[in-house]
Amino acid sequence: MKVLMVLTSHDALGNTGEKTGFWLEEFAAPYYVLKDAGAEIVLASPNGGQPPLDPKSDQPDFQTADTDRFNQDEQAKQHLANTVRLDSVNSSDFDAVFYPGGHGPLWDLTNHPASIKLIEQLYAAGKPVASVCHAPTVLLNVKTSDGEYLVKDKNVTAFSNSEESAVGLAQVVPFLLEDALKERGAIYHKGEDWASLVQVDGKLITGQNPASSAETAQALLDALNS
């Protein structure tokens, strides 16, 4: 079982002067769900190397057992520091892909040609495609073999408008992900803010927010084992 995890390389939070990147829990929780299940994990990002961590996700309030484990795991830190370039990846080498969120992907993975191609190829091959929180943005411009948007008429979730407003970034992000998915024809599902919600539609798996990270990865494992 070989799983690709794709992280953002984008570190600027719009025009705020603040930093962003990937959200630590959304990487650490799936990483260990997959690793503990025996998966071989390859990490990739648009630029390769060390992906930027959203500094807010490293604050004490957002730490979990998984983030604590990661922060004490030197091997995992080295793994993360040496992501391969996304455009060097061959979809046929992998059984599935998982995209952790954070605000970064809104800027660099939404329109990334290598990411779009990767998802299109994996999905066409019947392989699971999972993403959590802001990472379902990677699905917006993916199309199926008949030219329709992949998310059209699919049950999906992602970081909600109300959650974006709650963190004060609804006017900072380039678009509201909930709205963008609906515009592509997705059947968007929203749970309570900050509570875990996962949607599984065939091999397409999405989670709403950081709390959904482990459950999204478990759904990916279930899809691989089905």
Protein backbone atom coordinates (compact mmCIF):
# COMPACT_ATOMS: atom_id res chain seq x y z
CA MET A 1 0.00 0.00 0.00
CA LYS A 2 1.69 3.16 -1.23
CA VAL A 3 0.08 6.53 -0.49
CA LEU A 4 1.10 9.96 -1.73
CA MET A 5 0.53 12.94 0.58
CA VAL A 6 0.62 16.32 -1.15
CA LEU A 7 1.28 19.49 0.86
CA THR A 8 1.24 23.16 -0.08
CA SER A 9 4.34 25.25 -0.82
CA HIS A 10 2.52 28.57 -0.34
CA ASP A 11 3.33 30.58 2.79
CA ALA A 12 1.74 34.05 2.38
CA LEU A 13 -1.72 34.69 3.85
CA GLY A 14 -3.07 36.95 1.12
CA ASN A 15 -2.01 40.55 1.57
CA THR A 16 -2.03 40.43 5.38
CA GLY A 17 1.73 40.11 5.79
CA GLU A 18 1.07 37.01 7.89
CA LYS A 19 2.31 33.52 7.16
CA THR A 20 0.27 30.46 6.26
CA GLY A 21 0.97 26.98 4.90
CA PHE A 22 -0.28 23.53 5.88
CA TRP A 23 -2.14 22.87 9.14
CA LEU A 24 -0.12 20.62 11.43
CA GLU A 25 -2.95 18.41 12.74
CA GLU A 26 -4.20 17.85 9.19
CA PHE A 27 -0.81 16.39 8.27
CA ALA A 28 0.12 14.62 11.49
CA ALA A 29 -3.17 12.80 12.13
CA PRO A 30 -3.45 11.24 8.64
CA TYR A 31 0.28 10.56 8.51
CA TYR A 32 0.11 8.35 11.58
CA VAL A 33 -3.22 6.72 10.66
CA LEU A 34 -1.63 5.65 7.38
CA LYS A 35 1.79 4.83 8.80
CA ASP A 36 0.37 2.74 11.65
CA ALA A 37 -1.65 0.79 9.07
CA GLY A 38 1.57 -0.14 7.30
CA ALA A 39 1.33 2.26 4.37
CA GLU A 40 4.42 3.40 2.54
CA ILE A 41 4.07 7.20 2.46
CA VAL A 42 5.66 9.53 -0.07
CA LEU A 43 5.44 13.27 0.61
CA ALA A 44 5.27 15.81 -2.22
CA SER A 45 4.76 19.55 -2.66
CA PRO A 46 4.80 21.94 -5.63
CA ASN A 47 8.30 23.22 -4.84
CA GLY A 48 9.72 20.16 -3.10
CA GLY A 49 11.71 20.39 0.12
CA GLN A 50 10.28 21.71 3.38
CA PRO A 51 6.64 22.78 3.06
CA PRO A 52 5.65 25.85 5.10
CA LEU A 53 3.81 25.23 8.35
CA ASP A 54 0.99 27.60 9.29
CA PRO A 55 2.44 29.04 12.52
CA LYS A 56 -1.01 29.24 14.10
CA SER A 57 -1.33 25.45 13.87
CA ASP A 58 1.76 25.11 16.06
CA GLN A 59 0.21 27.09 18.92
CA PRO A 60 -0.59 25.25 22.17
CA ASP A 61 -4.38 25.45 21.69
CA PHE A 62 -4.17 23.38 18.50
CA GLN A 63 -1.96 20.54 19.73
CA THR A 64 -3.22 16.96 19.78
CA ALA A 65 -1.74 13.56 20.56
CA ASP A 66 -0.77 13.30 16.88
CA THR A 67 0.96 16.69 16.72
CA ASP A 68 2.79 15.90 19.96
CA ARG A 69 3.91 12.60 18.45
CA PHE A 70 5.11 14.36 15.31
CA ASN A 71 7.02 17.00 17.26
CA GLN A 72 8.97 14.23 19.00
CA ASP A 73 9.47 12.17 15.83
CA GLU A 74 12.78 13.16 14.23
CA GLN A 75 12.38 10.64 11.42
CA ALA A 76 8.99 12.10 10.46
CA LYS A 77 10.39 15.64 10.59
CA GLN A 78 13.19 14.64 8.22
CA HIS A 79 10.64 12.99 5.95
CA LEU A 80 8.60 16.20 5.85
CA ALA A 81 11.66 18.38 5.23
CA ASN A 82 12.44 16.48 2.03
CA THR A 83 9.22 16.37 0.03
CA VAL A 84 9.64 15.53 -3.65
CA ARG A 85 8.50 17.94 -6.34
CA LEU A 86 4.91 17.30 -7.29
CA ASP A 87 5.63 17.43 -11.02
CA SER A 88 8.10 14.53 -10.61
CA VAL A 89 5.42 12.17 -9.33
CA ASN A 90 3.95 9.35 -11.43
CA SER A 91 0.35 8.51 -10.49
CA SER A 92 0.81 4.86 -11.47
CA ASP A 93 3.26 4.44 -8.58
CA PHE A 94 0.56 5.05 -5.96
CA ASP A 95 -2.57 3.39 -4.64
CA ALA A 96 -4.11 6.61 -3.29
CA VAL A 97 -3.49 10.29 -2.54
CA PHE A 98 -4.20 12.40 0.55
CA TYR A 99 -4.13 16.21 0.62
CA PRO A 100 -3.78 17.88 4.05
CA GLY A 101 -5.27 21.36 4.32
CA GLY A 102 -4.31 24.70 5.77
CA HIS A 103 -4.96 27.91 3.86
CA GLY A 104 -1.92 27.49 1.61
CA PRO A 105 -3.53 25.12 -0.91
CA LEU A 106 -6.12 27.77 -1.86
CA TRP A 107 -3.33 29.68 -3.57
CA ASP A 108 -0.99 27.09 -5.07
CA LEU A 109 -2.84 23.80 -5.48
CA THR A 110 -6.21 24.94 -6.84
CA ASN A 111 -4.83 25.47 -10.33
CA HIS A 112 -1.63 23.43 -10.18
CA PRO A 113 -1.37 21.46 -13.46
CA ALA A 114 0.55 18.52 -11.96
CA SER A 115 -1.96 18.20 -9.13
CA ILE A 116 -4.96 18.32 -11.46
CA LYS A 117 -3.39 15.71 -13.75
CA LEU A 118 -2.49 13.48 -10.80
CA ILE A 119 -6.04 13.49 -9.42
CA GLU A 120 -7.58 12.94 -12.84
CA GLN A 121 -5.34 9.93 -13.45
CA LEU A 122 -5.82 8.39 -10.01
CA TYR A 123 -9.58 8.84 -10.10
CA ALA A 124 -9.83 7.41 -13.60
CA ALA A 125 -7.89 4.39 -12.37
CA GLY A 126 -10.39 3.85 -9.54
CA LYS A 127 -7.95 4.87 -6.81
CA PRO A 128 -9.04 6.83 -3.71
CA VAL A 129 -8.55 10.61 -3.60
CA ALA A 130 -8.83 12.17 -0.13
CA SER A 131 -8.55 15.75 1.10
CA VAL A 132 -9.43 17.61 4.27
CA CYS A 133 -10.44 21.14 5.35
CA HIS A 134 -9.14 23.62 2.72
CA ALA A 135 -7.52 20.90 0.63
CA PRO A 136 -10.70 19.97 -1.28
CA THR A 137 -9.81 23.10 -3.26
CA VAL A 138 -7.58 20.73 -5.27
CA LEU A 139 -10.75 19.20 -6.73
CA LEU A 140 -12.23 22.41 -8.15
CA ASN A 141 -10.60 22.22 -11.57
CA VAL A 142 -10.36 18.45 -11.93
CA LYS A 143 -12.51 16.98 -14.69
CA THR A 144 -13.70 13.50 -15.52
CA SER A 145 -13.13 11.77 -18.85
CA ASP A 146 -16.42 13.17 -20.15
CA GLY A 147 -15.31 16.75 -19.50
CA GLU A 148 -17.51 17.39 -16.46
CA TYR A 149 -16.14 18.75 -13.21
CA LEU A 150 -15.26 15.83 -10.94
CA VAL A 151 -17.22 17.23 -7.99
CA LYS A 152 -20.42 17.72 -10.00
CA ASP A 153 -23.23 15.79 -8.27
CA LYS A 154 -20.73 14.35 -5.78
CA ASN A 155 -21.22 14.44 -2.02
CA VAL A 156 -18.38 16.50 -0.58
CA THR A 157 -17.46 18.63 2.38
CA ALA A 158 -14.72 21.17 3.13
CA PHE A 159 -14.01 24.11 5.43
CA SER A 160 -17.32 25.93 5.68
CA ASN A 161 -18.17 29.58 5.17
CA SER A 162 -19.13 29.86 8.83
CA GLU A 163 -15.79 28.43 9.95
CA GLU A 164 -13.92 30.81 7.62
CA SER A 165 -15.86 33.73 9.11
CA ALA A 166 -15.15 32.47 12.63
CA VAL A 167 -11.37 32.61 12.04
CA GLY A 168 -11.72 36.09 10.53
CA LEU A 169 -10.41 35.20 7.08
CA ALA A 170 -13.53 35.29 4.90
CA GLN A 171 -12.30 38.58 3.39
CA VAL A 172 -8.68 37.39 3.07
CA VAL A 173 -8.98 34.10 1.20
CA PRO A 174 -9.14 34.26 -2.63
CA PHE A 175 -12.57 32.57 -2.52
CA LEU A 176 -14.84 30.76 -0.09
CA LEU A 177 -14.35 27.05 -0.65
CA GLU A 178 -17.90 26.05 0.26
CA ASP A 179 -19.27 28.45 -2.37
CA ALA A 180 -16.72 27.39 -4.99
CA LEU A 181 -17.59 23.71 -4.61
CA LYS A 182 -21.30 24.47 -4.94
CA GLU A 183 -20.59 26.52 -8.08
CA ARG A 184 -18.94 23.43 -9.59
CA GLY A 185 -22.13 21.46 -8.96
CA ALA A 186 -21.01 19.61 -5.84
CA ILE A 187 -23.53 18.43 -3.24
CA TYR A 188 -21.92 20.20 -0.29
CA HIS A 189 -22.48 18.86 3.23
CA LYS A 190 -21.80 20.84 6.40
CA GLY A 191 -21.66 19.56 9.95
CA GLU A 192 -21.31 21.61 13.10
CA ASP A 193 -18.40 24.04 13.08
CA TRP A 194 -15.20 22.35 14.33
CA ALA A 195 -16.84 18.90 14.63
CA SER A 196 -15.65 16.00 12.49
CA LEU A 197 -17.56 15.37 9.28
CA VAL A 198 -16.41 13.11 6.45
CA GLN A 199 -18.09 12.51 3.12
CA VAL A 200 -17.37 9.42 1.05
CA ASP A 201 -18.69 9.32 -2.51
CA GLY A 202 -17.20 6.28 -4.21
CA LYS A 203 -13.43 6.84 -4.21
CA LEU A 204 -13.78 10.56 -3.45
CA ILE A 205 -13.24 11.30 0.26
CA THR A 206 -13.42 14.73 1.90
CA GLY A 207 -13.28 16.03 5.48
CA GLN A 208 -14.64 19.34 6.73
CA ASN A 209 -12.03 20.69 9.17
CA PRO A 210 -8.98 19.81 11.30
CA ALA A 211 -11.07 17.61 13.61
CA SER A 212 -11.95 15.49 10.55
CA SER A 213 -8.33 14.67 9.69
CA ALA A 214 -7.94 11.23 11.26
CA GLU A 215 -11.43 10.11 10.23
CA THR A 216 -10.74 11.18 6.63
CA ALA A 217 -7.54 9.12 6.59
CA GLN A 218 -9.39 6.14 8.06
CA ALA A 219 -12.00 6.45 5.31
CA LEU A 220 -9.14 6.38 2.80
CA LEU A 221 -7.84 3.16 4.35
CA ASP A 222 -11.33 1.68 4.24
CA ALA A 223 -11.58 2.57 0.54
CA LEU A 224 -8.23 0.93 -0.12
CA ASN A 225 -9.34 -2.21 1.67
CA SER A 226 -12.76 -2.44 0.05
